[in-house]
Amino acid sequence: MRPKRAAQLASGLFVRSPKGNVDIAAPKVVTEEALHEPFELILLSCKAFDLDGAMDSFARAVGPGTLVLPLLNGLAHIGKLKRRFGPDSILGGQCQISTTLDEAGRVIHLNEAHTLGFGELDGARTERIEAVKTTLATGSSTPR
């Protein structure tokens, strides 16, 4: 995480949206040094030029059952992620939303549009995709 953004998040995460505002006074921030156990799901959103650094920063959180859901432009990242973490760990994903940060570091959702799509790279509807869907819809995971 970049130092300026880390400092902003230290005083809270604030989202302003036509769909409803969100204020989290103390968002959980996990640093690379604090990663000791694999995560079930990693949502990856970064600029393409940051992909290698991002992969290095979360590599310790990837275990045999971890799924990586990338939300990046293009497709070049899929091959890099597969080579680094194995083809079975990588999902396909796309997100459409228009946001910016204001001068105080608040996330500003600029319009009504917001979509998130994801799935297996081969298009199959699997139990693990259903588990991701449940987690994203409810905020809690379902035992597999």
Protein backbone atom coordinates (compact mmCIF):
# COMPACT_ATOMS: atom_id res chain seq x y z
CA MET A 1 0.00 0.00 0.00
CA ARG A 2 1.24 3.44 -0.80
CA PRO A 3 2.21 5.58 2.22
CA LYS A 4 -0.21 8.44 1.44
CA ARG A 5 -3.16 6.04 1.09
CA ALA A 6 -2.14 4.17 4.24
CA ALA A 7 -2.15 7.47 6.15
CA GLN A 8 -5.60 8.30 4.80
CA LEU A 9 -6.97 4.90 5.76
CA ALA A 10 -5.54 5.27 9.27
CA SER A 11 -8.24 7.89 9.86
CA GLY A 12 -10.98 5.79 8.26
CA LEU A 13 -12.44 4.52 5.01
CA PHE A 14 -15.22 6.70 3.69
CA VAL A 15 -17.26 6.02 0.58
CA ARG A 16 -19.76 8.49 -0.84
CA SER A 17 -22.16 6.88 -3.30
CA PRO A 18 -25.62 7.38 -4.76
CA LYS A 19 -26.21 3.78 -3.65
CA GLY A 20 -25.48 4.60 0.01
CA ASN A 21 -22.54 5.91 1.99
CA VAL A 22 -20.15 3.74 3.98
CA ASP A 23 -18.01 4.93 6.90
CA ILE A 24 -15.55 2.52 8.50
CA ALA A 25 -13.70 4.27 11.31
CA ALA A 26 -10.94 1.70 11.61
CA PRO A 27 -10.67 -0.42 8.45
CA LYS A 28 -8.60 -3.54 8.80
CA VAL A 29 -5.33 -3.08 6.92
CA VAL A 30 -3.17 -6.15 6.45
CA THR A 31 0.49 -5.62 5.65
CA GLU A 32 2.72 -8.15 3.95
CA GLU A 33 4.58 -8.73 7.21
CA ALA A 34 1.32 -9.68 8.97
CA LEU A 35 0.43 -12.45 6.53
CA HIS A 36 0.89 -15.77 8.30
CA GLU A 37 -1.97 -17.95 7.03
CA PRO A 38 -3.51 -18.46 3.60
CA PHE A 39 -6.62 -16.51 2.70
CA GLU A 40 -9.64 -18.17 1.10
CA LEU A 41 -10.15 -15.35 -1.42
CA ILE A 42 -7.98 -12.48 -2.61
CA LEU A 43 -9.59 -9.66 -4.57
CA LEU A 44 -6.84 -8.16 -6.69
CA SER A 45 -7.25 -4.65 -8.03
CA CYS A 46 -4.19 -2.71 -9.09
CA LYS A 47 -2.74 -1.00 -12.11
CA ALA A 48 -0.98 -3.31 -14.58
CA PHE A 49 2.40 -1.75 -13.82
CA ASP A 50 1.92 -2.67 -10.13
CA LEU A 51 1.03 -6.34 -10.75
CA ASP A 52 4.45 -7.81 -9.96
CA GLY A 53 4.73 -5.83 -6.72
CA ALA A 54 1.15 -6.69 -5.77
CA MET A 55 1.81 -10.40 -6.33
CA ASP A 56 4.92 -10.19 -4.14
CA SER A 57 2.96 -8.43 -1.40
CA PHE A 58 0.20 -11.04 -1.09
CA ALA A 59 2.11 -14.20 -2.06
CA ARG A 60 2.36 -15.32 1.59
CA ALA A 61 -1.46 -15.31 1.76
CA VAL A 62 -1.83 -17.81 -1.11
CA GLY A 63 -2.19 -21.43 -0.09
CA PRO A 64 -3.48 -24.59 -1.78
CA GLY A 65 -7.15 -23.55 -1.48
CA THR A 66 -6.78 -19.82 -2.08
CA LEU A 67 -8.70 -18.24 -4.96
CA VAL A 68 -7.41 -15.07 -6.62
CA LEU A 69 -10.07 -12.90 -8.24
CA PRO A 70 -8.33 -10.27 -10.38
CA LEU A 71 -10.17 -7.09 -11.34
CA LEU A 72 -7.70 -5.57 -13.81
CA ASN A 73 -8.02 -4.21 -17.33
CA GLY A 74 -7.15 -6.55 -20.18
CA LEU A 75 -6.09 -10.19 -20.02
CA ALA A 76 -2.28 -10.18 -19.78
CA HIS A 77 -2.44 -10.52 -15.99
CA ILE A 78 -4.16 -13.92 -16.18
CA GLY A 79 -1.06 -15.68 -17.54
CA LYS A 80 1.22 -14.00 -15.00
CA LEU A 81 -1.06 -14.97 -12.12
CA LYS A 82 -1.37 -18.56 -13.35
CA ARG A 83 2.41 -18.93 -13.62
CA ARG A 84 2.96 -17.49 -10.14
CA PHE A 85 0.13 -19.17 -8.19
CA GLY A 86 -1.01 -22.08 -10.37
CA PRO A 87 -3.85 -22.23 -12.88
CA ASP A 88 -6.41 -23.65 -10.42
CA SER A 89 -6.07 -20.62 -8.12
CA ILE A 90 -7.06 -17.98 -10.66
CA LEU A 91 -10.59 -16.85 -11.46
CA GLY A 92 -11.78 -14.45 -14.11
CA GLY A 93 -13.31 -11.17 -13.06
CA GLN A 94 -14.44 -7.81 -14.28
CA CYS A 95 -15.70 -4.75 -12.48
CA GLN A 96 -17.34 -1.65 -13.86
CA ILE A 97 -17.58 1.36 -11.60
CA SER A 98 -16.63 4.99 -11.88
CA THR A 99 -14.89 6.34 -8.79
CA THR A 100 -12.28 8.82 -7.71
CA LEU A 101 -10.64 9.94 -4.48
CA ASP A 102 -11.32 13.44 -3.25
CA GLU A 103 -8.68 15.61 -1.56
CA ALA A 104 -9.45 14.03 1.83
CA GLY A 105 -9.04 10.49 0.48
CA ARG A 106 -12.76 9.64 0.45
CA VAL A 107 -13.90 7.28 -2.30
CA ILE A 108 -16.44 9.06 -4.48
CA HIS A 109 -18.77 6.88 -6.57
CA LEU A 110 -19.50 9.13 -9.53
CA ASN A 111 -22.74 7.64 -10.88
CA GLU A 112 -25.33 4.88 -10.45
CA ALA A 113 -23.39 2.23 -12.37
CA HIS A 114 -21.65 -0.61 -10.56
CA THR A 115 -21.26 -4.21 -11.67
CA LEU A 116 -19.05 -7.12 -10.69
CA GLY A 117 -18.77 -10.31 -12.67
CA PHE A 118 -16.59 -13.34 -11.94
CA GLY A 119 -16.29 -17.01 -12.67
CA GLU A 120 -14.12 -19.93 -13.59
CA LEU A 121 -11.85 -19.25 -16.56
CA ASP A 122 -13.49 -22.12 -18.49
CA GLY A 123 -17.00 -20.77 -17.79
CA ALA A 124 -18.05 -23.69 -15.58
CA ARG A 125 -20.46 -23.06 -12.71
CA THR A 126 -18.72 -24.67 -9.74
CA GLU A 127 -19.24 -24.99 -6.00
CA ARG A 128 -16.31 -22.68 -5.34
CA ILE A 129 -17.85 -19.97 -7.54
CA GLU A 130 -21.12 -20.35 -5.63
CA ALA A 131 -19.14 -20.01 -2.36
CA VAL A 132 -17.50 -16.80 -3.64
CA LYS A 133 -20.92 -15.49 -4.68
CA THR A 134 -22.29 -16.18 -1.19
CA THR A 135 -19.31 -14.55 0.49
CA LEU A 136 -19.54 -11.41 -1.64
CA ALA A 137 -23.32 -11.17 -1.21
CA THR A 138 -23.42 -11.74 2.55
CA GLY A 139 -19.95 -10.90 3.85
CA SER A 140 -19.47 -14.35 5.35
CA SER A 141 -18.09 -17.54 3.90
CA THR A 142 -19.88 -20.84 3.63
CA PRO A 143 -18.05 -24.03 4.61
CA ARG A 144 -16.85 -26.03 1.61
